[in-house]
């Protein structure tokens, strides 16, 4: 990444952080000792790396288990859990976080058996990214107007953590490959549909 011709430009997100970058490669020479895998096998390595990123997401499972527990406590604290519609959304969130756990286990089992996650990892990524957005939509309903306060605002519940998390996970449907890309992978490589 420090080779001549490599330019990295951070992309500032809605949250104000810059965890993603644009990377430009202009006439970059890579020494042979830095080659990963075999010559001309970069696409295969990239696909394998992305499959691991998409399908084995225990970090996301832990994050969303914590978010779910905090959301349930918040709903009880605010009385939002007495609203039948919000109660249904909370139950759906509990179910979906559990499904995410089971999908992770399935991918990890596949990885242990075969040494690679396979294209089914796209199912995991597609599911958890959309689950996350639904969970955060429910959190915003529970919070009401207070969900709009940014960190530092005295009226912000949890110092604005929920708003930042809500905005961060809007990007869940584009990182690790957009959800549209995941649907194409599932259609072609899992279901065997034509291009």
N, C-alpha and C. Protein backbone atom coordinates (compact mmCIF):
# COMPACT_ATOMS: atom_id res chain seq x y z
N UNK A 1 0.82 -1.21 0.00
CA UNK A 1 0.00 0.00 0.00
C UNK A 1 0.85 1.26 0.00
N UNK A 2 2.14 1.12 0.29
CA UNK A 2 3.02 2.29 0.29
C UNK A 2 3.83 2.38 -1.00
N UNK A 3 3.55 1.50 -1.95
CA UNK A 3 4.29 1.49 -3.21
C UNK A 3 3.99 2.74 -4.02
N UNK A 4 4.95 3.18 -4.82
CA UNK A 4 4.68 4.32 -5.71
C UNK A 4 3.51 4.01 -6.63
N UNK A 5 2.61 4.99 -6.77
CA UNK A 5 1.44 4.82 -7.63
C UNK A 5 0.18 4.43 -6.89
N UNK A 6 0.30 4.14 -5.59
CA UNK A 6 -0.89 3.80 -4.79
C UNK A 6 -1.36 5.06 -4.08
N UNK A 7 -2.61 5.43 -4.32
CA UNK A 7 -3.21 6.60 -3.67
C UNK A 7 -4.45 6.14 -2.91
N UNK A 8 -4.50 6.48 -1.62
CA UNK A 8 -5.63 6.12 -0.78
C UNK A 8 -6.34 7.40 -0.35
N UNK A 9 -7.64 7.46 -0.62
CA UNK A 9 -8.43 8.63 -0.23
C UNK A 9 -9.57 8.17 0.68
N UNK A 10 -9.57 8.59 1.94
CA UNK A 10 -10.64 8.20 2.86
C UNK A 10 -12.00 8.73 2.39
N UNK A 11 -13.03 7.94 2.62
CA UNK A 11 -14.41 8.35 2.32
C UNK A 11 -15.11 8.64 3.64
N UNK A 12 -15.54 9.86 3.83
CA UNK A 12 -16.22 10.24 5.07
C UNK A 12 -17.68 9.80 4.98
N UNK A 13 -18.11 9.05 5.99
CA UNK A 13 -19.47 8.52 6.03
C UNK A 13 -20.41 9.51 6.72
N UNK A 14 -21.70 9.16 6.73
CA UNK A 14 -22.72 9.98 7.40
C UNK A 14 -22.41 10.15 8.88
N UNK A 15 -21.72 9.17 9.45
CA UNK A 15 -21.42 9.20 10.88
C UNK A 15 -20.28 10.16 11.21
N UNK A 16 -19.58 10.63 10.18
CA UNK A 16 -18.43 11.50 10.38
C UNK A 16 -17.12 10.75 10.40
N UNK A 17 -17.17 9.42 10.48
CA UNK A 17 -15.94 8.61 10.47
C UNK A 17 -15.57 8.26 9.03
N UNK A 18 -14.33 7.82 8.86
CA UNK A 18 -13.87 7.46 7.52
C UNK A 18 -13.21 6.08 7.55
N UNK A 19 -14.05 5.05 7.65
CA UNK A 19 -13.56 3.67 7.76
C UNK A 19 -13.35 3.02 6.40
N UNK A 20 -13.81 3.65 5.34
CA UNK A 20 -13.68 3.12 3.99
C UNK A 20 -12.82 4.06 3.17
N UNK A 21 -12.22 3.54 2.13
CA UNK A 21 -11.33 4.35 1.28
C UNK A 21 -11.57 4.07 -0.19
N UNK A 22 -11.21 5.05 -0.98
CA UNK A 22 -11.02 4.82 -2.41
C UNK A 22 -9.54 4.52 -2.57
N UNK A 23 -9.21 3.51 -3.35
CA UNK A 23 -7.80 3.18 -3.59
C UNK A 23 -7.57 3.24 -5.09
N UNK A 24 -6.59 4.03 -5.47
CA UNK A 24 -6.25 4.18 -6.88
C UNK A 24 -4.88 3.57 -7.12
N UNK A 25 -4.77 2.75 -8.14
CA UNK A 25 -3.51 2.10 -8.51
C UNK A 25 -3.12 2.61 -9.89
N UNK A 26 -1.97 3.28 -9.95
CA UNK A 26 -1.52 3.85 -11.21
C UNK A 26 -0.10 3.38 -11.52
N UNK A 27 0.02 2.46 -12.47
CA UNK A 27 1.33 1.90 -12.85
C UNK A 27 2.09 1.36 -11.64
N UNK A 28 1.40 0.65 -10.78
CA UNK A 28 2.01 0.10 -9.56
C UNK A 28 2.77 -1.17 -9.91
N UNK A 29 3.99 -1.27 -9.44
CA UNK A 29 4.81 -2.47 -9.62
C UNK A 29 4.84 -3.20 -8.28
N UNK A 30 4.52 -4.48 -8.32
CA UNK A 30 4.51 -5.28 -7.11
C UNK A 30 5.67 -6.27 -7.19
N UNK A 31 6.57 -6.24 -6.23
CA UNK A 31 7.69 -7.19 -6.25
C UNK A 31 7.19 -8.64 -6.17
N UNK A 32 7.86 -9.55 -6.83
CA UNK A 32 7.46 -10.96 -6.88
C UNK A 32 7.33 -11.55 -5.48
N UNK A 33 8.17 -11.11 -4.53
CA UNK A 33 8.09 -11.67 -3.17
C UNK A 33 6.81 -11.25 -2.44
N UNK A 34 6.08 -10.25 -2.96
CA UNK A 34 4.82 -9.81 -2.35
C UNK A 34 3.60 -10.48 -2.98
N UNK A 35 3.81 -11.37 -3.92
CA UNK A 35 2.70 -12.05 -4.59
C UNK A 35 1.97 -12.95 -3.59
N UNK A 36 0.66 -12.82 -3.54
CA UNK A 36 -0.17 -13.67 -2.68
C UNK A 36 -0.82 -14.70 -3.59
N UNK A 37 -0.58 -15.98 -3.32
CA UNK A 37 -1.11 -17.03 -4.19
C UNK A 37 -0.29 -17.13 -5.46
N UNK A 38 -0.86 -17.77 -6.46
CA UNK A 38 -0.16 -17.94 -7.72
C UNK A 38 -0.35 -16.77 -8.66
N UNK A 39 0.49 -16.68 -9.65
CA UNK A 39 0.40 -15.63 -10.66
C UNK A 39 -0.95 -15.74 -11.38
N UNK A 40 -1.62 -14.63 -11.56
CA UNK A 40 -2.92 -14.53 -12.24
C UNK A 40 -4.05 -15.23 -11.46
N UNK A 41 -3.88 -15.40 -10.16
CA UNK A 41 -4.94 -16.00 -9.34
C UNK A 41 -5.57 -14.99 -8.39
N UNK A 42 -5.40 -13.72 -8.67
CA UNK A 42 -5.91 -12.67 -7.78
C UNK A 42 -7.42 -12.68 -7.61
N UNK A 43 -8.15 -12.95 -8.69
CA UNK A 43 -9.61 -12.94 -8.60
C UNK A 43 -10.09 -14.07 -7.68
N UNK A 44 -9.49 -15.24 -7.78
CA UNK A 44 -9.85 -16.37 -6.93
C UNK A 44 -9.58 -16.03 -5.46
N UNK A 45 -8.45 -15.40 -5.20
CA UNK A 45 -8.11 -15.02 -3.83
C UNK A 45 -9.09 -13.96 -3.32
N UNK A 46 -9.42 -12.99 -4.17
CA UNK A 46 -10.38 -11.95 -3.77
C UNK A 46 -11.74 -12.57 -3.45
N UNK A 47 -12.20 -13.51 -4.28
CA UNK A 47 -13.49 -14.16 -4.04
C UNK A 47 -13.48 -14.95 -2.73
N UNK A 48 -12.40 -15.65 -2.47
CA UNK A 48 -12.28 -16.42 -1.22
C UNK A 48 -12.30 -15.49 -0.02
N UNK A 49 -11.54 -14.40 -0.11
CA UNK A 49 -11.51 -13.42 0.98
C UNK A 49 -12.90 -12.85 1.24
N UNK A 50 -13.60 -12.46 0.17
CA UNK A 50 -14.95 -11.91 0.32
C UNK A 50 -15.92 -12.94 0.89
N UNK A 51 -15.79 -14.19 0.50
CA UNK A 51 -16.66 -15.22 1.05
C UNK A 51 -16.49 -15.33 2.56
N UNK A 52 -15.25 -15.24 3.02
CA UNK A 52 -15.01 -15.28 4.47
C UNK A 52 -15.61 -14.04 5.15
N UNK A 53 -15.42 -12.88 4.53
CA UNK A 53 -15.95 -11.65 5.12
C UNK A 53 -17.47 -11.69 5.19
N UNK A 54 -18.11 -12.22 4.17
CA UNK A 54 -19.57 -12.24 4.11
C UNK A 54 -20.18 -13.29 5.02
N UNK A 55 -19.61 -14.48 5.00
CA UNK A 55 -20.28 -15.61 5.62
C UNK A 55 -19.90 -15.92 7.04
N UNK A 56 -18.76 -15.49 7.47
CA UNK A 56 -18.34 -15.76 8.84
C UNK A 56 -18.26 -14.42 9.56
N UNK A 57 -19.40 -13.99 10.06
CA UNK A 57 -19.47 -12.66 10.68
C UNK A 57 -19.82 -12.75 12.16
N UNK A 58 -19.02 -13.47 12.95
CA UNK A 58 -19.34 -13.54 14.39
C UNK A 58 -19.30 -12.17 15.05
N UNK A 59 -18.48 -11.27 14.54
CA UNK A 59 -18.43 -9.92 15.11
C UNK A 59 -19.81 -9.26 14.99
N UNK A 60 -20.41 -9.37 13.81
CA UNK A 60 -21.73 -8.76 13.62
C UNK A 60 -22.77 -9.43 14.52
N UNK A 61 -22.64 -10.72 14.71
CA UNK A 61 -23.57 -11.42 15.60
C UNK A 61 -23.45 -10.88 17.02
N UNK A 62 -22.25 -10.73 17.52
CA UNK A 62 -22.04 -10.22 18.88
C UNK A 62 -22.55 -8.78 18.99
N UNK A 63 -22.21 -7.95 18.01
CA UNK A 63 -22.67 -6.55 18.02
C UNK A 63 -24.20 -6.49 18.05
N UNK A 64 -24.84 -7.31 17.23
CA UNK A 64 -26.30 -7.24 17.15
C UNK A 64 -26.98 -7.90 18.35
N UNK A 65 -26.33 -8.85 18.99
CA UNK A 65 -26.88 -9.41 20.22
C UNK A 65 -26.87 -8.33 21.30
N UNK A 66 -25.78 -7.57 21.39
CA UNK A 66 -25.69 -6.47 22.36
C UNK A 66 -26.72 -5.40 22.05
N UNK A 67 -26.82 -5.02 20.76
CA UNK A 67 -27.81 -4.01 20.36
C UNK A 67 -29.22 -4.47 20.70
N UNK A 68 -29.51 -5.75 20.43
CA UNK A 68 -30.84 -6.28 20.72
C UNK A 68 -31.14 -6.22 22.21
N UNK A 69 -30.21 -6.66 23.04
CA UNK A 69 -30.43 -6.61 24.50
C UNK A 69 -30.65 -5.19 24.97
N UNK A 70 -29.86 -4.25 24.44
CA UNK A 70 -30.03 -2.84 24.81
C UNK A 70 -31.38 -2.30 24.32
N UNK A 71 -31.79 -2.72 23.13
CA UNK A 71 -33.07 -2.27 22.58
C UNK A 71 -34.23 -2.79 23.42
N UNK A 72 -34.17 -4.05 23.83
CA UNK A 72 -35.23 -4.61 24.66
C UNK A 72 -35.32 -3.87 26.00
N UNK A 73 -34.17 -3.57 26.59
CA UNK A 73 -34.15 -2.81 27.86
C UNK A 73 -34.71 -1.41 27.65
N UNK A 74 -34.34 -0.79 26.55
CA UNK A 74 -34.82 0.55 26.23
C UNK A 74 -36.34 0.56 26.03
N UNK A 75 -36.85 -0.46 25.36
CA UNK A 75 -38.30 -0.55 25.13
C UNK A 75 -39.05 -0.70 26.46
N UNK A 76 -38.49 -1.49 27.37
CA UNK A 76 -39.11 -1.65 28.69
C UNK A 76 -39.04 -0.32 29.45
N UNK A 77 -37.89 0.34 29.39
CA UNK A 77 -37.67 1.59 30.12
C UNK A 77 -38.61 2.69 29.64
N UNK A 78 -38.82 2.78 28.33
CA UNK A 78 -39.66 3.85 27.77
C UNK A 78 -41.14 3.48 27.73
N UNK A 79 -41.45 2.20 27.96
CA UNK A 79 -42.84 1.74 27.87
C UNK A 79 -43.26 1.40 26.45
N UNK A 80 -42.34 1.50 25.50
CA UNK A 80 -42.67 1.18 24.11
C UNK A 80 -43.02 -0.29 23.93
N UNK A 81 -42.58 -1.13 24.87
CA UNK A 81 -42.87 -2.57 24.78
C UNK A 81 -44.36 -2.88 25.00
N UNK A 82 -45.13 -1.87 25.44
CA UNK A 82 -46.57 -2.06 25.62
C UNK A 82 -47.35 -1.82 24.33
N UNK A 83 -46.68 -1.22 23.33
CA UNK A 83 -47.30 -1.00 22.02
C UNK A 83 -47.29 -2.33 21.25
N UNK A 84 -48.47 -2.85 20.85
CA UNK A 84 -48.50 -4.17 20.21
C UNK A 84 -47.68 -4.23 18.91
N UNK A 85 -47.65 -3.17 18.13
CA UNK A 85 -46.87 -3.19 16.88
C UNK A 85 -45.37 -3.21 17.16
N UNK A 86 -44.95 -2.40 18.11
CA UNK A 86 -43.52 -2.39 18.46
C UNK A 86 -43.15 -3.73 19.11
N UNK A 87 -44.05 -4.28 19.92
CA UNK A 87 -43.76 -5.58 20.53
C UNK A 87 -43.55 -6.65 19.45
N UNK A 88 -44.33 -6.61 18.37
CA UNK A 88 -44.14 -7.55 17.25
C UNK A 88 -42.78 -7.33 16.58
N UNK A 89 -42.40 -6.07 16.41
CA UNK A 89 -41.10 -5.77 15.79
C UNK A 89 -39.96 -6.24 16.68
N UNK A 90 -40.12 -6.08 17.98
CA UNK A 90 -39.10 -6.55 18.92
C UNK A 90 -38.98 -8.08 18.86
N UNK A 91 -40.12 -8.76 18.81
CA UNK A 91 -40.09 -10.22 18.70
C UNK A 91 -39.41 -10.64 17.40
N UNK A 92 -39.70 -9.93 16.31
CA UNK A 92 -39.07 -10.23 15.02
C UNK A 92 -37.56 -10.03 15.12
N UNK A 93 -37.13 -8.98 15.81
CA UNK A 93 -35.70 -8.73 15.98
C UNK A 93 -35.03 -9.87 16.76
N UNK A 94 -35.70 -10.36 17.80
CA UNK A 94 -35.16 -11.49 18.58
C UNK A 94 -35.00 -12.71 17.67
N UNK A 95 -36.02 -12.99 16.89
CA UNK A 95 -35.99 -14.14 15.98
C UNK A 95 -34.86 -13.99 14.96
N UNK A 96 -34.73 -12.79 14.38
CA UNK A 96 -33.74 -12.59 13.33
C UNK A 96 -32.31 -12.63 13.84
N UNK A 97 -32.06 -12.16 15.04
CA UNK A 97 -30.71 -12.27 15.60
C UNK A 97 -30.38 -13.74 15.85
N UNK A 98 -31.38 -14.51 16.27
CA UNK A 98 -31.16 -15.95 16.47
C UNK A 98 -30.90 -16.64 15.13
N UNK A 99 -31.63 -16.26 14.09
CA UNK A 99 -31.40 -16.82 12.75
C UNK A 99 -29.98 -16.49 12.29
N UNK A 100 -29.53 -15.27 12.57
CA UNK A 100 -28.17 -14.87 12.20
C UNK A 100 -27.15 -15.78 12.88
N UNK A 101 -27.39 -16.09 14.15
CA UNK A 101 -26.49 -16.99 14.87
C UNK A 101 -26.45 -18.36 14.20
N UNK A 102 -27.61 -18.90 13.88
CA UNK A 102 -27.67 -20.23 13.27
C UNK A 102 -27.04 -20.24 11.88
N UNK A 103 -27.24 -19.18 11.12
CA UNK A 103 -26.62 -19.08 9.79
C UNK A 103 -25.10 -19.02 9.91
N UNK A 104 -24.61 -18.30 10.91
CA UNK A 104 -23.16 -18.25 11.17
C UNK A 104 -22.63 -19.63 11.50
N UNK A 105 -23.34 -20.35 12.35
CA UNK A 105 -22.91 -21.69 12.72
C UNK A 105 -22.85 -22.60 11.50
N UNK A 106 -23.85 -22.47 10.62
CA UNK A 106 -23.87 -23.30 9.41
C UNK A 106 -22.66 -23.01 8.55
N UNK A 107 -22.34 -21.74 8.37
CA UNK A 107 -21.18 -21.37 7.55
C UNK A 107 -19.89 -21.85 8.20
N UNK A 108 -19.77 -21.69 9.52
CA UNK A 108 -18.56 -22.16 10.20
C UNK A 108 -18.43 -23.67 10.13
N UNK A 109 -19.54 -24.38 10.17
CA UNK A 109 -19.51 -25.84 10.00
C UNK A 109 -19.03 -26.20 8.60
N UNK A 110 -19.55 -25.51 7.60
CA UNK A 110 -19.11 -25.73 6.21
C UNK A 110 -17.62 -25.45 6.08
N UNK A 111 -17.17 -24.39 6.71
CA UNK A 111 -15.75 -24.02 6.67
C UNK A 111 -14.89 -25.11 7.32
N UNK A 112 -15.36 -25.64 8.42
CA UNK A 112 -14.60 -26.70 9.09
C UNK A 112 -14.54 -27.97 8.24
N UNK A 113 -15.63 -28.28 7.57
CA UNK A 113 -15.69 -29.50 6.76
C UNK A 113 -14.87 -29.40 5.47
N UNK A 114 -14.98 -28.25 4.80
CA UNK A 114 -14.40 -28.13 3.45
C UNK A 114 -13.21 -27.19 3.36
N UNK A 115 -13.03 -26.34 4.38
CA UNK A 115 -11.94 -25.37 4.33
C UNK A 115 -12.31 -24.09 3.62
N UNK A 116 -13.55 -23.98 3.11
CA UNK A 116 -13.98 -22.73 2.45
C UNK A 116 -15.47 -22.52 2.71
N UNK A 117 -15.89 -21.26 2.82
CA UNK A 117 -17.28 -20.99 3.17
C UNK A 117 -18.27 -21.24 2.02
N UNK A 118 -17.88 -21.05 0.78
CA UNK A 118 -18.78 -21.28 -0.34
C UNK A 118 -19.69 -20.10 -0.61
N UNK A 119 -20.42 -20.15 -1.74
CA UNK A 119 -21.26 -19.02 -2.14
C UNK A 119 -22.45 -18.79 -1.21
N UNK A 120 -22.78 -19.79 -0.38
CA UNK A 120 -23.88 -19.62 0.58
C UNK A 120 -23.59 -18.51 1.58
N UNK A 121 -22.33 -18.12 1.69
CA UNK A 121 -21.98 -17.02 2.59
C UNK A 121 -22.70 -15.74 2.20
N UNK A 122 -23.06 -15.63 0.93
CA UNK A 122 -23.82 -14.46 0.48
C UNK A 122 -25.19 -14.41 1.14
N UNK A 123 -25.77 -15.57 1.43
CA UNK A 123 -27.06 -15.61 2.14
C UNK A 123 -26.92 -15.00 3.53
N UNK A 124 -25.83 -15.33 4.21
CA UNK A 124 -25.59 -14.82 5.56
C UNK A 124 -25.46 -13.30 5.52
N UNK A 125 -24.64 -12.81 4.61
CA UNK A 125 -24.42 -11.36 4.52
C UNK A 125 -25.70 -10.63 4.17
N UNK A 126 -26.43 -11.15 3.20
CA UNK A 126 -27.69 -10.53 2.78
C UNK A 126 -28.67 -10.48 3.95
N UNK A 127 -28.79 -11.59 4.67
CA UNK A 127 -29.75 -11.64 5.78
C UNK A 127 -29.37 -10.68 6.90
N UNK A 128 -28.11 -10.77 7.39
CA UNK A 128 -27.78 -9.96 8.57
C UNK A 128 -27.80 -8.47 8.25
N UNK A 129 -27.41 -8.08 7.03
CA UNK A 129 -27.38 -6.65 6.71
C UNK A 129 -28.79 -6.06 6.70
N UNK A 130 -29.75 -6.81 6.16
CA UNK A 130 -31.13 -6.31 6.14
C UNK A 130 -31.78 -6.44 7.51
N UNK A 131 -31.42 -7.49 8.26
CA UNK A 131 -31.88 -7.64 9.63
C UNK A 131 -31.43 -6.45 10.47
N UNK A 132 -30.19 -6.05 10.29
CA UNK A 132 -29.64 -4.93 11.05
C UNK A 132 -30.41 -3.65 10.79
N UNK A 133 -30.74 -3.41 9.54
CA UNK A 133 -31.48 -2.19 9.22
C UNK A 133 -32.88 -2.21 9.82
N UNK A 134 -33.53 -3.37 9.81
CA UNK A 134 -34.85 -3.48 10.44
C UNK A 134 -34.75 -3.26 11.95
N UNK A 135 -33.73 -3.86 12.59
CA UNK A 135 -33.55 -3.70 14.03
C UNK A 135 -33.35 -2.22 14.37
N UNK A 136 -32.54 -1.54 13.57
CA UNK A 136 -32.29 -0.11 13.83
C UNK A 136 -33.54 0.74 13.55
N UNK A 137 -34.34 0.36 12.57
CA UNK A 137 -35.61 1.07 12.33
C UNK A 137 -36.51 0.94 13.56
N UNK A 138 -36.54 -0.24 14.15
CA UNK A 138 -37.33 -0.45 15.36
C UNK A 138 -36.79 0.41 16.50
N UNK A 139 -35.47 0.46 16.63
CA UNK A 139 -34.85 1.30 17.67
C UNK A 139 -35.27 2.76 17.51
N UNK A 140 -35.30 3.24 16.28
CA UNK A 140 -35.70 4.64 16.05
C UNK A 140 -37.16 4.85 16.43
N UNK A 141 -38.00 3.84 16.21
CA UNK A 141 -39.41 3.96 16.62
C UNK A 141 -39.52 3.99 18.15
N UNK A 142 -38.75 3.15 18.81
CA UNK A 142 -38.76 3.11 20.27
C UNK A 142 -38.28 4.45 20.83
N UNK A 143 -37.25 5.01 20.24
CA UNK A 143 -36.67 6.26 20.73
C UNK A 143 -37.53 7.48 20.40
N UNK A 144 -38.26 7.41 19.30
CA UNK A 144 -39.04 8.56 18.87
C UNK A 144 -38.13 9.73 18.53
N UNK A 145 -38.55 10.93 18.90
CA UNK A 145 -37.77 12.14 18.60
C UNK A 145 -36.38 12.08 19.21
N UNK A 146 -36.24 11.44 20.36
CA UNK A 146 -34.94 11.37 21.04
C UNK A 146 -33.91 10.60 20.21
N UNK A 147 -34.38 9.81 19.25
CA UNK A 147 -33.46 9.08 18.39
C UNK A 147 -32.72 9.96 17.39
N UNK A 148 -33.13 11.20 17.27
CA UNK A 148 -32.50 12.11 16.31
C UNK A 148 -31.34 12.91 16.90
N UNK A 149 -31.09 12.77 18.18
CA UNK A 149 -30.06 13.57 18.82
C UNK A 149 -28.68 12.94 18.65
N UNK A 150 -27.75 13.75 18.20
CA UNK A 150 -26.38 13.34 17.92
C UNK A 150 -25.57 13.28 19.22
N UNK A 151 -24.49 12.49 19.27
CA UNK A 151 -23.64 12.47 20.47
C UNK A 151 -23.25 13.89 20.89
N UNK A 152 -23.31 14.11 22.18
CA UNK A 152 -22.99 15.43 22.72
C UNK A 152 -24.23 16.24 23.04
N UNK A 153 -25.33 15.95 22.39
CA UNK A 153 -26.59 16.64 22.66
C UNK A 153 -27.10 16.14 24.02
N UNK A 154 -27.40 17.05 24.96
CA UNK A 154 -27.83 16.63 26.30
C UNK A 154 -29.06 15.72 26.31
N UNK A 155 -29.97 15.88 25.35
CA UNK A 155 -31.19 15.07 25.32
C UNK A 155 -30.99 13.72 24.65
N UNK A 156 -29.79 13.45 24.15
CA UNK A 156 -29.52 12.18 23.45
C UNK A 156 -29.53 11.01 24.42
N UNK A 157 -30.31 10.00 24.10
CA UNK A 157 -30.33 8.79 24.93
C UNK A 157 -29.09 7.98 24.58
N UNK A 158 -28.37 7.55 25.61
CA UNK A 158 -27.14 6.79 25.37
C UNK A 158 -26.09 7.59 24.64
N UNK A 159 -26.09 8.91 24.87
CA UNK A 159 -25.14 9.83 24.22
C UNK A 159 -25.18 9.74 22.69
N UNK A 160 -26.36 9.48 22.14
CA UNK A 160 -26.51 9.48 20.68
C UNK A 160 -26.00 8.22 20.00
N UNK A 161 -25.68 7.22 20.80
CA UNK A 161 -25.13 5.96 20.26
C UNK A 161 -26.07 5.33 19.24
N UNK A 162 -27.38 5.39 19.50
CA UNK A 162 -28.34 4.76 18.60
C UNK A 162 -28.37 5.44 17.25
N UNK A 163 -28.32 6.76 17.23
CA UNK A 163 -28.34 7.47 15.94
C UNK A 163 -27.09 7.14 15.15
N UNK A 164 -25.94 7.13 15.79
CA UNK A 164 -24.71 6.81 15.08
C UNK A 164 -24.77 5.38 14.53
N UNK A 165 -25.25 4.45 15.34
CA UNK A 165 -25.36 3.06 14.91
C UNK A 165 -26.36 2.93 13.76
N UNK A 166 -27.48 3.63 13.86
CA UNK A 166 -28.48 3.62 12.80
C UNK A 166 -27.86 4.08 11.48
N UNK A 167 -27.15 5.20 11.52
CA UNK A 167 -26.53 5.73 10.30
C UNK A 167 -25.43 4.81 9.78
N UNK A 168 -24.63 4.25 10.69
CA UNK A 168 -23.55 3.35 10.29
C UNK A 168 -24.11 2.15 9.53
N UNK A 169 -25.16 1.53 10.07
CA UNK A 169 -25.69 0.31 9.46
C UNK A 169 -26.58 0.56 8.24
N UNK A 170 -26.78 1.82 7.87
CA UNK A 170 -27.41 2.07 6.57
C UNK A 170 -26.48 1.54 5.48
N UNK A 171 -25.16 1.54 5.76
CA UNK A 171 -24.16 1.08 4.79
C UNK A 171 -24.04 -0.44 4.76
N UNK A 172 -24.71 -1.15 5.67
CA UNK A 172 -24.59 -2.62 5.72
C UNK A 172 -24.98 -3.26 4.40
N UNK A 173 -25.88 -2.63 3.68
CA UNK A 173 -26.34 -3.22 2.41
C UNK A 173 -25.38 -2.95 1.26
N UNK A 174 -24.29 -2.23 1.53
CA UNK A 174 -23.29 -2.03 0.46
C UNK A 174 -21.92 -2.57 0.81
N UNK A 175 -21.56 -2.67 2.12
CA UNK A 175 -20.22 -3.18 2.37
C UNK A 175 -20.17 -4.71 2.26
N UNK A 176 -18.97 -5.21 1.94
CA UNK A 176 -18.72 -6.63 1.66
C UNK A 176 -19.45 -7.09 0.40
N UNK A 177 -19.73 -6.17 -0.47
CA UNK A 177 -20.47 -6.46 -1.70
C UNK A 177 -21.93 -6.07 -1.50
N UNK A 178 -22.47 -5.28 -2.41
CA UNK A 178 -23.84 -4.80 -2.25
C UNK A 178 -24.83 -5.96 -2.18
N UNK A 179 -25.98 -5.69 -1.61
CA UNK A 179 -26.99 -6.74 -1.52
C UNK A 179 -27.47 -7.19 -2.90
N UNK A 180 -27.41 -6.29 -3.88
CA UNK A 180 -27.75 -6.68 -5.25
C UNK A 180 -26.74 -7.70 -5.77
N UNK A 181 -25.45 -7.48 -5.48
CA UNK A 181 -24.42 -8.44 -5.87
C UNK A 181 -24.66 -9.77 -5.16
N UNK A 182 -25.02 -9.72 -3.87
CA UNK A 182 -25.28 -10.96 -3.12
C UNK A 182 -26.43 -11.74 -3.75
N UNK A 183 -27.48 -11.03 -4.16
CA UNK A 183 -28.62 -11.70 -4.78
C UNK A 183 -28.20 -12.37 -6.09
N UNK A 184 -27.34 -11.71 -6.86
CA UNK A 184 -26.85 -12.32 -8.10
C UNK A 184 -26.01 -13.57 -7.81
N UNK A 185 -25.15 -13.50 -6.80
CA UNK A 185 -24.33 -14.67 -6.43
C UNK A 185 -25.23 -15.83 -6.01
N UNK A 186 -26.24 -15.52 -5.20
CA UNK A 186 -27.16 -16.56 -4.74
C UNK A 186 -27.90 -17.17 -5.93
N UNK A 187 -28.39 -16.31 -6.82
CA UNK A 187 -29.13 -16.80 -7.99
C UNK A 187 -28.27 -17.71 -8.86
N UNK A 188 -27.06 -17.27 -9.14
CA UNK A 188 -26.20 -18.01 -10.08
C UNK A 188 -25.49 -19.19 -9.42
N UNK A 189 -24.86 -18.96 -8.28
CA UNK A 189 -23.98 -19.99 -7.71
C UNK A 189 -24.65 -20.93 -6.71
N UNK A 190 -25.75 -20.48 -6.12
CA UNK A 190 -26.45 -21.34 -5.16
C UNK A 190 -27.66 -22.00 -5.83
N UNK A 191 -28.46 -21.19 -6.53
CA UNK A 191 -29.67 -21.73 -7.14
C UNK A 191 -29.46 -22.24 -8.56
N UNK A 192 -28.31 -21.89 -9.18
CA UNK A 192 -28.01 -22.36 -10.53
C UNK A 192 -28.84 -21.69 -11.62
N UNK A 193 -29.34 -20.49 -11.35
CA UNK A 193 -30.11 -19.77 -12.36
C UNK A 193 -29.18 -19.20 -13.43
N UNK A 194 -29.68 -19.02 -14.66
CA UNK A 194 -28.81 -18.46 -15.71
C UNK A 194 -28.52 -16.99 -15.46
N UNK A 195 -27.45 -16.52 -16.07
CA UNK A 195 -27.07 -15.10 -15.95
C UNK A 195 -28.08 -14.21 -16.63
